[in-house]
């Protein structure tokens, strides 16, 4: 924040880092979300208890796991092309 004072948003790799950022930014006298917007990535239950509540990206981990297993089994059986990409939609919470 000191090197880039014009920063107005932070996207954290996970919610724990986003929640820790809330604490650090408060110590820097930043007002969330007025001065800086923060979004996490996990949608863990603790998000609802922060102040302000943390916005987060929720993944469909069950669908991701099913697709990963399906892809692995297809690779083992040589039924799939390597390097195949899949998009599993996410939700902003």
Protein backbone atom coordinates (compact mmCIF):
# COMPACT_ATOMS: atom_id res chain seq x y z
CA UNK A 1 0.00 0.00 0.00
CA UNK A 2 2.87 2.38 0.63
CA UNK A 3 4.41 1.68 -2.80
CA UNK A 4 1.08 1.82 -4.64
CA UNK A 5 -1.12 4.30 -2.74
CA UNK A 6 -3.65 4.52 -5.60
CA UNK A 7 -4.57 0.85 -5.13
CA UNK A 8 -8.30 0.59 -4.52
CA UNK A 9 -8.81 -3.16 -4.50
CA UNK A 10 -7.25 -6.40 -3.35
CA UNK A 11 -8.03 -9.88 -4.62
CA UNK A 12 -6.57 -12.43 -2.21
CA UNK A 13 -5.63 -15.96 -3.23
CA UNK A 14 -7.76 -17.30 -0.36
CA UNK A 15 -10.06 -16.02 2.35
CA UNK A 16 -7.55 -16.43 5.17
CA UNK A 17 -5.21 -13.96 3.47
CA UNK A 18 -8.13 -11.63 2.77
CA UNK A 19 -9.22 -11.73 6.42
CA UNK A 20 -5.66 -11.11 7.60
CA UNK A 21 -5.49 -8.19 5.13
CA UNK A 22 -8.57 -6.68 6.77
CA UNK A 23 -6.72 -6.63 10.09
CA UNK A 24 -3.52 -5.18 8.64
CA UNK A 25 -5.36 -2.52 6.65
CA UNK A 26 -7.34 -1.44 9.71
CA UNK A 27 -4.03 -0.94 11.51
CA UNK A 28 -3.03 1.27 8.57
CA UNK A 29 -6.23 3.30 9.20
CA UNK A 30 -7.80 2.19 5.91
CA UNK A 31 -11.57 2.07 5.74
CA UNK A 32 -12.94 -1.04 4.08
CA UNK A 33 -14.67 -0.81 1.60
CA UNK A 34 -14.47 2.99 1.30
CA UNK A 35 -10.70 3.19 0.80
CA UNK A 36 -10.07 -0.33 -0.42
CA UNK A 37 -12.23 -3.21 -1.60
CA UNK A 38 -11.18 -6.76 -0.65
CA UNK A 39 -12.35 -10.05 -2.09
CA UNK A 40 -11.25 -13.53 -1.12
CA UNK A 41 -11.37 -16.93 -2.76
CA UNK A 42 -12.87 -19.89 -0.86
CA UNK A 43 -16.11 -18.73 0.78
CA UNK A 44 -15.18 -20.08 4.20
CA UNK A 45 -17.73 -19.69 7.04
CA UNK A 46 -15.53 -17.17 8.91
CA UNK A 47 -16.20 -14.62 6.14
CA UNK A 48 -19.65 -13.95 7.55
CA UNK A 49 -18.23 -12.91 10.92
CA UNK A 50 -15.69 -10.36 9.74
CA UNK A 51 -16.47 -6.67 9.78
CA UNK A 52 -17.30 -5.80 7.13
CA UNK A 53 -18.31 -9.24 5.90
CA UNK A 54 -15.89 -10.53 3.32
CA UNK A 55 -16.93 -10.96 -0.30
CA UNK A 56 -15.55 -14.17 -1.74
CA UNK A 57 -15.49 -16.37 -4.81
CA UNK A 58 -17.14 -19.73 -4.18
CA UNK A 59 -15.98 -22.74 -6.19
CA UNK A 60 -18.03 -25.86 -6.82
CA UNK A 61 -15.39 -28.15 -5.31
CA UNK A 62 -17.56 -31.24 -5.71
CA UNK A 63 -17.92 -30.62 -9.45
CA UNK A 64 -14.18 -29.86 -9.74
CA UNK A 65 -13.33 -33.12 -7.96
CA UNK A 66 -15.72 -35.17 -10.11
CA UNK A 67 -14.31 -33.67 -13.32
CA UNK A 68 -10.73 -34.27 -12.14
CA UNK A 69 -11.41 -37.93 -11.36
CA UNK A 70 -13.28 -38.39 -14.66
CA UNK A 71 -10.39 -36.82 -16.58
CA UNK A 72 -7.82 -38.94 -14.76
CA UNK A 73 -9.74 -42.15 -15.47
CA UNK A 74 -10.07 -41.17 -19.14
CA UNK A 75 -6.32 -40.50 -19.33
CA UNK A 76 -5.59 -43.88 -17.77
CA UNK A 77 -7.87 -45.56 -20.32
CA UNK A 78 -6.39 -43.40 -23.13
CA UNK A 79 -9.85 -42.04 -23.92
CA UNK A 80 -9.05 -38.37 -23.58
CA UNK A 81 -6.76 -35.87 -25.20
CA UNK A 82 -4.04 -34.47 -23.00
CA UNK A 83 -4.12 -30.78 -22.24
CA UNK A 84 -7.89 -30.59 -22.21
CA UNK A 85 -9.34 -27.59 -20.34
CA UNK A 86 -12.61 -27.36 -18.45
CA UNK A 87 -14.40 -24.34 -17.05
CA UNK A 88 -16.33 -24.84 -13.85
CA UNK A 89 -18.43 -21.76 -13.05
CA UNK A 90 -17.86 -19.88 -9.80
CA UNK A 91 -20.16 -17.64 -7.76
CA UNK A 92 -19.52 -14.30 -6.09
CA UNK A 93 -20.71 -14.49 -2.48
